[in-house]
Amino acid sequence: MKQLSLVRPLAAMLLTAIVMWCMALEAQQANGATAKERMKNFDYLVGTWSCAHQVGDFSGKYTTRYEKVLGDLWLKETYDFPPKQFGDNPGAVRAEALIGYDERRGQFVRLFPHSHERYW
């Protein structure tokens, strides 16, 4: 009888180990996606968008354009803010961002400079 009582806990431990192994394998396969495969997730953004923003009393309209560049490995965003739509700046502002996937680091990266000598 004592041997039978150990079967259930051992079976439960074995089943748990198999489930965890399957989950780890699936995560590893998902992490192994290439940059090009990861960037396909953003295909729906490609095109020109009319946008509006409001932060407190500050609001305005602008245009955003998305396009795939550099062999479809990067998504280029172009923001065009008309005059007096970007804080205290009286002139128009253009900003461009590049979004890509760094396979070595396993994460997305973004560089975002704009026409008033700032970037983040």
C-alpha atoms as a PDB file:
ATOM      1  CA  MET A   1       0.000   0.000   0.000  1.00  0.00           C
ATOM      2  CA  LYS A   2       2.819   2.435   0.743  1.00  0.00           C
ATOM      3  CA  GLN A   3       4.200   2.013  -2.762  1.00  0.00           C
ATOM      4  CA  LEU A   4       0.813   2.872  -4.281  1.00  0.00           C
ATOM      5  CA  SER A   5       0.583   6.031  -2.168  1.00  0.00           C
ATOM      6  CA  LEU A   6       3.868   7.288  -3.714  1.00  0.00           C
ATOM      7  CA  VAL A   7       2.685   6.764  -7.295  1.00  0.00           C
ATOM      8  CA  ARG A   8       0.269   9.705  -7.329  1.00  0.00           C
ATOM      9  CA  PRO A   9       2.746  12.323  -6.053  1.00  0.00           C
ATOM     10  CA  LEU A  10       5.442  11.024  -8.421  1.00  0.00           C
ATOM     11  CA  ALA A  11       3.011  11.066 -11.345  1.00  0.00           C
ATOM     12  CA  ALA A  12       1.984  14.630 -10.453  1.00  0.00           C
ATOM     13  CA  MET A  13       5.632  15.713 -10.272  1.00  0.00           C
ATOM     14  CA  LEU A  14       6.393  14.056 -13.604  1.00  0.00           C
ATOM     15  CA  LEU A  15       3.370  15.698 -15.254  1.00  0.00           C
ATOM     16  CA  THR A  16       4.383  19.098 -13.831  1.00  0.00           C
ATOM     17  CA  ALA A  17       7.929  18.639 -15.148  1.00  0.00           C
ATOM     18  CA  ILE A  18       6.629  17.749 -18.631  1.00  0.00           C
ATOM     19  CA  VAL A  19       4.292  20.769 -18.707  1.00  0.00           C
ATOM     20  CA  MET A  20       7.098  23.087 -17.593  1.00  0.00           C
ATOM     21  CA  TRP A  21       9.450  21.618 -20.201  1.00  0.00           C
ATOM     22  CA  CYS A  22       6.833  22.190 -22.935  1.00  0.00           C
ATOM     23  CA  MET A  23       6.301  25.774 -21.798  1.00  0.00           C
ATOM     24  CA  ALA A  24      10.042  26.444 -21.802  1.00  0.00           C
ATOM     25  CA  LEU A  25      10.397  24.931 -25.268  1.00  0.00           C
ATOM     26  CA  GLU A  26       7.556  27.091 -26.593  1.00  0.00           C
ATOM     27  CA  ALA A  27       9.070  30.230 -25.057  1.00  0.00           C
ATOM     28  CA  GLN A  28      12.452  29.378 -26.537  1.00  0.00           C
ATOM     29  CA  GLN A  29      10.932  28.951 -29.997  1.00  0.00           C
ATOM     30  CA  ALA A  30       9.060  32.263 -29.669  1.00  0.00           C
ATOM     31  CA  ASN A  31      12.265  34.012 -28.580  1.00  0.00           C
ATOM     32  CA  GLY A  32      14.058  32.549 -31.572  1.00  0.00           C
ATOM     33  CA  ALA A  33      11.909  34.559 -34.004  1.00  0.00           C
ATOM     34  CA  THR A  34      13.976  36.611 -36.418  1.00  0.00           C
ATOM     35  CA  ALA A  35      13.849  40.386 -36.503  1.00  0.00           C
ATOM     36  CA  LYS A  36      11.986  40.259 -39.804  1.00  0.00           C
ATOM     37  CA  GLU A  37       9.367  37.933 -38.306  1.00  0.00           C
ATOM     38  CA  ARG A  38       8.965  40.194 -35.264  1.00  0.00           C
ATOM     39  CA  MET A  39       8.575  43.281 -37.440  1.00  0.00           C
ATOM     40  CA  LYS A  40       5.678  41.692 -39.352  1.00  0.00           C
ATOM     41  CA  ASN A  41       3.602  42.375 -36.233  1.00  0.00           C
ATOM     42  CA  PHE A  42       3.594  46.059 -37.200  1.00  0.00           C
ATOM     43  CA  ASP A  43       2.437  45.705 -40.821  1.00  0.00           C
ATOM     44  CA  TYR A  44      -0.997  47.043 -39.874  1.00  0.00           C
ATOM     45  CA  LEU A  45       0.552  50.461 -39.110  1.00  0.00           C
ATOM     46  CA  VAL A  46       2.011  50.993 -42.605  1.00  0.00           C
ATOM     47  CA  GLY A  47       0.366  54.017 -44.244  1.00  0.00           C
ATOM     48  CA  THR A  48      -0.536  57.599 -43.347  1.00  0.00           C
ATOM     49  CA  TRP A  49      -2.550  58.426 -40.245  1.00  0.00           C
ATOM     50  CA  SER A  50      -4.293  61.658 -39.227  1.00  0.00           C
ATOM     51  CA  CYS A  51      -3.890  62.089 -35.484  1.00  0.00           C
ATOM     52  CA  ALA A  52      -4.953  64.404 -32.676  1.00  0.00           C
ATOM     53  CA  HIS A  53      -3.501  64.888 -29.207  1.00  0.00           C
ATOM     54  CA  GLN A  54      -4.477  66.600 -25.998  1.00  0.00           C
ATOM     55  CA  VAL A  55      -2.404  67.007 -22.855  1.00  0.00           C
ATOM     56  CA  GLY A  56      -4.186  69.261 -20.383  1.00  0.00           C
ATOM     57  CA  ASP A  57      -5.016  72.491 -22.259  1.00  0.00           C
ATOM     58  CA  PHE A  58      -2.467  71.744 -24.996  1.00  0.00           C
ATOM     59  CA  SER A  59      -3.931  70.048 -28.056  1.00  0.00           C
ATOM     60  CA  GLY A  60      -3.427  69.805 -31.797  1.00  0.00           C
ATOM     61  CA  LYS A  61      -3.496  67.710 -34.936  1.00  0.00           C
ATOM     62  CA  TYR A  62      -0.649  66.082 -36.829  1.00  0.00           C
ATOM     63  CA  THR A  63       0.113  63.457 -39.439  1.00  0.00           C
ATOM     64  CA  THR A  64       2.012  60.240 -38.831  1.00  0.00           C
ATOM     65  CA  ARG A  65       3.369  58.059 -41.633  1.00  0.00           C
ATOM     66  CA  TYR A  66       4.708  54.525 -41.160  1.00  0.00           C
ATOM     67  CA  GLU A  67       6.781  52.630 -43.707  1.00  0.00           C
ATOM     68  CA  LYS A  68       8.992  49.551 -43.717  1.00  0.00           C
ATOM     69  CA  VAL A  69      12.626  50.382 -44.541  1.00  0.00           C
ATOM     70  CA  LEU A  70      16.045  48.754 -44.789  1.00  0.00           C
ATOM     71  CA  GLY A  71      14.890  45.366 -46.023  1.00  0.00           C
ATOM     72  CA  ASP A  72      11.730  45.395 -43.869  1.00  0.00           C
ATOM     73  CA  LEU A  73      13.908  45.123 -40.751  1.00  0.00           C
ATOM     74  CA  TRP A  74      12.900  48.570 -39.496  1.00  0.00           C
ATOM     75  CA  LEU A  75       9.669  50.528 -39.208  1.00  0.00           C
ATOM     76  CA  LYS A  76      10.147  54.223 -39.925  1.00  0.00           C
ATOM     77  CA  GLU A  77       7.683  56.627 -38.315  1.00  0.00           C
ATOM     78  CA  THR A  78       7.464  60.211 -39.576  1.00  0.00           C
ATOM     79  CA  TYR A  79       5.531  62.732 -37.514  1.00  0.00           C
ATOM     80  CA  ASP A  80       4.613  66.108 -39.057  1.00  0.00           C
ATOM     81  CA  PHE A  81       3.346  68.711 -36.594  1.00  0.00           C
ATOM     82  CA  PRO A  82       2.078  71.961 -38.165  1.00  0.00           C
ATOM     83  CA  PRO A  83       3.223  75.333 -36.743  1.00  0.00           C
ATOM     84  CA  LYS A  84       2.219  76.060 -33.137  1.00  0.00           C
ATOM     85  CA  GLN A  85       1.309  72.430 -32.494  1.00  0.00           C
ATOM     86  CA  PHE A  86       4.407  71.351 -30.574  1.00  0.00           C
ATOM     87  CA  GLY A  87       4.597  73.090 -27.242  1.00  0.00           C
ATOM     88  CA  ASP A  88       6.078  76.588 -27.269  1.00  0.00           C
ATOM     89  CA  ASN A  89       7.741  76.109 -30.682  1.00  0.00           C
ATOM     90  CA  PRO A  90       6.170  78.462 -33.239  1.00  0.00           C
ATOM     91  CA  GLY A  91       7.420  76.514 -36.286  1.00  0.00           C
ATOM     92  CA  ALA A  92       6.473  73.193 -37.780  1.00  0.00           C
ATOM     93  CA  VAL A  93       8.155  70.123 -36.296  1.00  0.00           C
ATOM     94  CA  ARG A  94       9.107  66.918 -38.038  1.00  0.00           C
ATOM     95  CA  ALA A  95      10.178  63.871 -36.085  1.00  0.00           C
ATOM     96  CA  GLU A  96      11.338  60.503 -37.342  1.00  0.00           C
ATOM     97  CA  ALA A  97      11.645  57.290 -35.404  1.00  0.00           C
ATOM     98  CA  LEU A  98      13.101  53.935 -36.308  1.00  0.00           C
ATOM     99  CA  ILE A  99      11.811  50.844 -34.541  1.00  0.00           C
ATOM    100  CA  GLY A 100      13.527  47.505 -34.948  1.00  0.00           C
ATOM    101  CA  TYR A 101      14.071  44.231 -33.155  1.00  0.00           C
ATOM    102  CA  ASP A 102      17.488  43.407 -31.713  1.00  0.00           C
ATOM    103  CA  GLU A 103      17.770  39.620 -31.955  1.00  0.00           C
ATOM    104  CA  ARG A 104      20.851  39.518 -29.695  1.00  0.00           C
ATOM    105  CA  ARG A 105      19.106  41.344 -26.860  1.00  0.00           C
ATOM    106  CA  GLY A 106      15.684  39.840 -27.522  1.00  0.00           C
ATOM    107  CA  GLN A 107      13.937  43.209 -27.400  1.00  0.00           C
ATOM    108  CA  PHE A 108      12.677  46.053 -29.533  1.00  0.00           C
ATOM    109  CA  VAL A 109      14.745  49.219 -29.917  1.00  0.00           C
ATOM    110  CA  ARG A 110      13.687  52.741 -30.904  1.00  0.00           C
ATOM    111  CA  LEU A 111      15.597  55.858 -31.926  1.00  0.00           C
ATOM    112  CA  PHE A 112      13.497  59.036 -32.062  1.00  0.00           C
ATOM    113  CA  PRO A 113      15.150  62.309 -33.191  1.00  0.00           C
ATOM    114  CA  HIS A 114      13.219  65.401 -34.291  1.00  0.00           C
ATOM    115  CA  SER A 115      13.881  68.665 -36.102  1.00  0.00           C
ATOM    116  CA  HIS A 116      14.540  70.703 -32.956  1.00  0.00           C
ATOM    117  CA  GLU A 117      17.814  68.909 -32.180  1.00  0.00           C
ATOM    118  CA  ARG A 118      16.402  66.587 -29.548  1.00  0.00           C
ATOM    119  CA  TYR A 119      16.172  62.835 -29.470  1.00  0.00           C
ATOM    120  CA  TRP A 120      15.170  60.009 -27.182  1.00  0.00           C
END
